[in-house]
C-alpha cells in the first residue's frame, strides 16, 4: 500500500510547482464546481497509476490540479464508493495520495437524503458529526505508522474551526445553511421508510452512501475536514417519495451555486491562514 501511494503521488508531483494544502472531493451532480478551478493539469482516473475508476453517472472521473482565486487546490471530480465493489481502502486511496502531496485540509461534498423536518430539497447541510454505519472500516487491517495512529481520535471528525468560518460565510451571504449529523451507509439502495425513521431516531439529520470513509482516513492522516451535503430528497414521514439517481443529480446541480460560494470563500480563508 505504501509503495502504491508513493508511486501515484510521485507521478502527480512532477506537475506540481508548489505545495497543495487543500483537497476537494465533488459528489453526485456537483462536478460542475470544477469549472471554477483554473486548471493547470487534469487526468482521467484511468491515466493515473493505481487509481480506481469511477463508474457512477454524475461522477466524471477526473483529478484536477489548479487554482481558485490564485490558491492551489487538488480536486476529485467524482469519488469512489463501496457499492461499486471497491474495498474501503481502495475507495479512500485518493485521500492517502492527497496527504502524500501535502494536503492539510479536505473539503467533502455529497448529495444526501434529508431526515430533519426543518430541511427541504435543495438545502445545504454542513456536517458537524457523523455515524459510520458501514460494516467495514477503511482502517481495518495492518496499521502503517507512517500513515497515522492505530487508534485515531474521532471526537472532532469535522473541524470546528472550518465550521465556524462557514457560519460566518453563511451569515454574511444569507445562505440559510443547516448544521447536523450525517449517517454514512454502504448503498446502493435508497432507504426504506423504516430505515429513514430509524436513522432519525438514532440522531441523524441526513443519510448518504459516502463521505464517512474519506473522513476517517483524513483524520487518521492528520487532516482537517469540512463536509457539506446537498439535501436531494426527503426521508421525513409523509414526505418520502420515489427517488432516482437522475433526480438526485438534478437537485445537486441546482444547489451548486451555493456550494460553490461556500467552497470558494472557505478556500480563501484557509489560504490566508
Foldseek 3Di string as FASTA:
>chain_A
DVVQLVQQLVVCVVQDPDQAAEEEEAEALQLVLCVQFPFSDKDAQVPTGLADHADDPRQRRMWTWGDHVRHTYIYRSGFDAVVVVDDLLRRQSVLSSSVVSPHFEYEYEYAWAFLDPVDDALAKEKEFEEAEPEPDANLPDDDDVLQADNDFDRPGLADPVLVVLLVVVCVVVVRPHHYAYEYEYRDDDDDDLVVSVVCVVVGGGIYDHDDPNNSVSSSRNNHHYIYMYRNQAYSYPPGDDDDDSVSSSVSSNVSNVVVSSSVSSSSVVVVVD
